[in-house]
């Protein structure tokens, strides 16, 4: 079982994430490559929320293939190309992560590998 850690002596998380996650010594670890908003038919929506939905659908499919689920997420690292997309991304993220949520880092970058990508999400999961 994963243990979420948010010490009382530090500021609480600024959004729906945990400051840290402790995995047991016998955990299986899964490291996901960055997921982008390409639909199975190859289309790329223009909207960041639609791309984020695809990213999380991919993440959940990969987790399921490994006999894991959203509660097994330890960490998310999200890359956005526009800081103005933050709230729309976070609304999608909050619908898909388990409770309590994993650790999370959000970065705003100049560009991603394809100029049509507005978001990329990396994930790490662990399950005992």
C-alpha atoms as a PDB file:
ATOM      1  CA  UNK A   1       0.000   0.000   0.000  1.00  0.00           C
ATOM      2  CA  UNK A   2       1.193   3.500  -0.838  1.00  0.00           C
ATOM      3  CA  UNK A   3       1.476   6.064   1.948  1.00  0.00           C
ATOM      4  CA  UNK A   4       0.896   9.723   1.086  1.00  0.00           C
ATOM      5  CA  UNK A   5       2.976  12.166   3.106  1.00  0.00           C
ATOM      6  CA  UNK A   6       2.051  15.776   3.760  1.00  0.00           C
ATOM      7  CA  UNK A   7       3.797  16.905   6.966  1.00  0.00           C
ATOM      8  CA  UNK A   8       1.796  19.269   9.168  1.00  0.00           C
ATOM      9  CA  UNK A   9       4.765  21.624   9.598  1.00  0.00           C
ATOM     10  CA  UNK A  10       4.916  22.727   5.947  1.00  0.00           C
ATOM     11  CA  UNK A  11       2.474  24.561   3.697  1.00  0.00           C
ATOM     12  CA  UNK A  12      -0.255  22.281   2.332  1.00  0.00           C
ATOM     13  CA  UNK A  13      -0.207  21.355  -1.355  1.00  0.00           C
ATOM     14  CA  UNK A  14      -1.287  24.206  -3.614  1.00  0.00           C
ATOM     15  CA  UNK A  15      -3.682  21.924  -5.519  1.00  0.00           C
ATOM     16  CA  UNK A  16      -4.890  18.311  -5.600  1.00  0.00           C
ATOM     17  CA  UNK A  17      -1.587  16.485  -5.028  1.00  0.00           C
ATOM     18  CA  UNK A  18       0.426  15.017  -2.155  1.00  0.00           C
ATOM     19  CA  UNK A  19       3.851  16.299  -1.169  1.00  0.00           C
ATOM     20  CA  UNK A  20       5.282  12.773  -1.223  1.00  0.00           C
ATOM     21  CA  UNK A  21       4.380   9.123  -1.650  1.00  0.00           C
ATOM     22  CA  UNK A  22       6.107   6.264   0.136  1.00  0.00           C
ATOM     23  CA  UNK A  23       6.012   2.876  -1.600  1.00  0.00           C
ATOM     24  CA  UNK A  24       6.656  -0.368   0.285  1.00  0.00           C
ATOM     25  CA  UNK A  25       9.912  -2.247  -0.255  1.00  0.00           C
ATOM     26  CA  UNK A  26       8.215  -5.023  -2.253  1.00  0.00           C
ATOM     27  CA  UNK A  27       6.434  -2.693  -4.700  1.00  0.00           C
ATOM     28  CA  UNK A  28       6.355  -3.236  -8.465  1.00  0.00           C
ATOM     29  CA  UNK A  29       7.309   0.025 -10.184  1.00  0.00           C
ATOM     30  CA  UNK A  30       5.980   1.261 -13.518  1.00  0.00           C
ATOM     31  CA  UNK A  31       7.574   4.215 -15.314  1.00  0.00           C
ATOM     32  CA  UNK A  32       5.414   5.682 -18.069  1.00  0.00           C
ATOM     33  CA  UNK A  33       6.830   7.630 -20.974  1.00  0.00           C
ATOM     34  CA  UNK A  34       5.351  11.051 -21.589  1.00  0.00           C
ATOM     35  CA  UNK A  35       1.815  10.750 -22.921  1.00  0.00           C
ATOM     36  CA  UNK A  36       0.541  13.297 -25.428  1.00  0.00           C
ATOM     37  CA  UNK A  37      -2.897  14.134 -26.785  1.00  0.00           C
ATOM     38  CA  UNK A  38      -2.970  11.944 -29.889  1.00  0.00           C
ATOM     39  CA  UNK A  39      -6.284  10.081 -30.236  1.00  0.00           C
ATOM     40  CA  UNK A  40      -6.213   6.422 -31.369  1.00  0.00           C
ATOM     41  CA  UNK A  41      -7.228   7.546 -34.876  1.00  0.00           C
ATOM     42  CA  UNK A  42      -4.180   9.847 -35.028  1.00  0.00           C
ATOM     43  CA  UNK A  43      -6.046  13.119 -34.581  1.00  0.00           C
ATOM     44  CA  UNK A  44      -4.791  15.799 -32.212  1.00  0.00           C
ATOM     45  CA  UNK A  45      -7.448  18.080 -30.714  1.00  0.00           C
ATOM     46  CA  UNK A  46      -6.618  21.774 -30.490  1.00  0.00           C
ATOM     47  CA  UNK A  47      -7.980  22.147 -26.940  1.00  0.00           C
ATOM     48  CA  UNK A  48      -5.698  21.410 -23.977  1.00  0.00           C
ATOM     49  CA  UNK A  49      -8.519  19.800 -21.970  1.00  0.00           C
ATOM     50  CA  UNK A  50      -9.256  17.376 -24.815  1.00  0.00           C
ATOM     51  CA  UNK A  51      -5.551  16.568 -25.123  1.00  0.00           C
ATOM     52  CA  UNK A  52      -5.310  16.070 -21.342  1.00  0.00           C
ATOM     53  CA  UNK A  53      -8.278  13.648 -21.470  1.00  0.00           C
ATOM     54  CA  UNK A  54      -6.434  11.591 -24.080  1.00  0.00           C
ATOM     55  CA  UNK A  55      -3.243  11.669 -22.000  1.00  0.00           C
ATOM     56  CA  UNK A  56      -5.098  10.314 -18.966  1.00  0.00           C
ATOM     57  CA  UNK A  57      -6.981   7.722 -21.030  1.00  0.00           C
ATOM     58  CA  UNK A  58      -3.568   6.494 -22.214  1.00  0.00           C
ATOM     59  CA  UNK A  59      -2.154   6.522 -18.684  1.00  0.00           C
ATOM     60  CA  UNK A  60      -5.139   4.568 -17.347  1.00  0.00           C
ATOM     61  CA  UNK A  61      -4.873   2.036 -20.197  1.00  0.00           C
ATOM     62  CA  UNK A  62      -1.170   1.507 -19.474  1.00  0.00           C
ATOM     63  CA  UNK A  63      -1.868   1.148 -15.756  1.00  0.00           C
ATOM     64  CA  UNK A  64      -4.633  -1.390 -16.463  1.00  0.00           C
ATOM     65  CA  UNK A  65      -2.284  -3.400 -18.693  1.00  0.00           C
ATOM     66  CA  UNK A  66       0.082  -3.598 -15.703  1.00  0.00           C
ATOM     67  CA  UNK A  67      -2.773  -4.603 -13.332  1.00  0.00           C
ATOM     68  CA  UNK A  68      -2.692  -1.169 -11.708  1.00  0.00           C
ATOM     69  CA  UNK A  69      -5.069   1.762 -11.388  1.00  0.00           C
ATOM     70  CA  UNK A  70      -5.077   5.487 -10.603  1.00  0.00           C
ATOM     71  CA  UNK A  71      -4.630   4.849  -6.863  1.00  0.00           C
ATOM     72  CA  UNK A  72      -1.221   3.365  -7.724  1.00  0.00           C
ATOM     73  CA  UNK A  73       0.088   6.602  -9.237  1.00  0.00           C
ATOM     74  CA  UNK A  74       3.055   7.854  -7.253  1.00  0.00           C
ATOM     75  CA  UNK A  75       3.977  10.898  -9.319  1.00  0.00           C
ATOM     76  CA  UNK A  76       2.879  12.970 -12.296  1.00  0.00           C
ATOM     77  CA  UNK A  77       5.056  15.418 -14.191  1.00  0.00           C
ATOM     78  CA  UNK A  78       3.089  17.612 -16.572  1.00  0.00           C
ATOM     79  CA  UNK A  79       4.459  19.887 -19.269  1.00  0.00           C
ATOM     80  CA  UNK A  80       2.271  22.689 -20.648  1.00  0.00           C
ATOM     81  CA  UNK A  81       3.200  25.128 -23.382  1.00  0.00           C
ATOM     82  CA  UNK A  82       0.849  27.832 -22.039  1.00  0.00           C
ATOM     83  CA  UNK A  83       0.482  28.749 -18.358  1.00  0.00           C
ATOM     84  CA  UNK A  84      -3.075  29.833 -19.171  1.00  0.00           C
ATOM     85  CA  UNK A  85      -3.963  26.143 -19.717  1.00  0.00           C
ATOM     86  CA  UNK A  86      -3.229  25.256 -16.087  1.00  0.00           C
ATOM     87  CA  UNK A  87      -6.769  25.359 -14.692  1.00  0.00           C
ATOM     88  CA  UNK A  88      -8.262  23.359 -17.574  1.00  0.00           C
ATOM     89  CA  UNK A  89      -5.541  20.729 -17.201  1.00  0.00           C
ATOM     90  CA  UNK A  90      -5.984  20.535 -13.428  1.00  0.00           C
ATOM     91  CA  UNK A  91      -9.750  20.004 -13.775  1.00  0.00           C
ATOM     92  CA  UNK A  92      -9.071  16.995 -16.014  1.00  0.00           C
ATOM     93  CA  UNK A  93      -6.292  15.693 -13.751  1.00  0.00           C
ATOM     94  CA  UNK A  94      -8.485  15.914 -10.671  1.00  0.00           C
ATOM     95  CA  UNK A  95     -11.131  13.690 -12.303  1.00  0.00           C
ATOM     96  CA  UNK A  96      -8.575  10.983 -13.094  1.00  0.00           C
ATOM     97  CA  UNK A  97      -6.227  10.683 -10.106  1.00  0.00           C
ATOM     98  CA  UNK A  98      -6.967   8.546  -7.072  1.00  0.00           C
ATOM     99  CA  UNK A  99      -7.624   9.717  -3.538  1.00  0.00           C
ATOM    100  CA  UNK A 100      -5.349  10.654  -1.946  1.00  0.00           C
ATOM    101  CA  UNK A 101      -3.652  12.074  -5.033  1.00  0.00           C
ATOM    102  CA  UNK A 102      -0.076  11.388  -6.161  1.00  0.00           C
ATOM    103  CA  UNK A 103       2.804  13.825  -6.035  1.00  0.00           C
ATOM    104  CA  UNK A 104       2.722  16.228  -8.958  1.00  0.00           C
ATOM    105  CA  UNK A 105       4.924  18.767 -10.708  1.00  0.00           C
ATOM    106  CA  UNK A 106       3.693  21.170 -13.374  1.00  0.00           C
ATOM    107  CA  UNK A 107       6.130  22.869 -15.745  1.00  0.00           C
ATOM    108  CA  UNK A 108       5.521  25.437 -18.445  1.00  0.00           C
ATOM    109  CA  UNK A 109       7.895  24.926 -21.365  1.00  0.00           C
ATOM    110  CA  UNK A 110       8.537  26.743 -24.633  1.00  0.00           C
ATOM    111  CA  UNK A 111       7.588  23.792 -26.824  1.00  0.00           C
ATOM    112  CA  UNK A 112       6.983  20.048 -26.995  1.00  0.00           C
ATOM    113  CA  UNK A 113       8.097  17.561 -29.680  1.00  0.00           C
ATOM    114  CA  UNK A 114       5.222  18.454 -32.045  1.00  0.00           C
ATOM    115  CA  UNK A 115       4.000  22.054 -32.346  1.00  0.00           C
ATOM    116  CA  UNK A 116       0.378  20.809 -32.066  1.00  0.00           C
ATOM    117  CA  UNK A 117       0.981  19.268 -28.618  1.00  0.00           C
ATOM    118  CA  UNK A 118      -0.218  21.537 -25.812  1.00  0.00           C
ATOM    119  CA  UNK A 119       0.497  19.047 -23.010  1.00  0.00           C
ATOM    120  CA  UNK A 120       2.602  16.015 -22.132  1.00  0.00           C
ATOM    121  CA  UNK A 121       2.241  13.952 -18.946  1.00  0.00           C
ATOM    122  CA  UNK A 122       4.794  11.525 -17.485  1.00  0.00           C
ATOM    123  CA  UNK A 123       3.771   9.182 -14.687  1.00  0.00           C
ATOM    124  CA  UNK A 124       5.265   6.782 -12.171  1.00  0.00           C
ATOM    125  CA  UNK A 125       3.195   4.109 -10.432  1.00  0.00           C
ATOM    126  CA  UNK A 126       3.916   1.511  -7.766  1.00  0.00           C
ATOM    127  CA  UNK A 127       1.927  -1.400  -6.374  1.00  0.00           C
ATOM    128  CA  UNK A 128       2.759  -3.865  -3.620  1.00  0.00           C
END
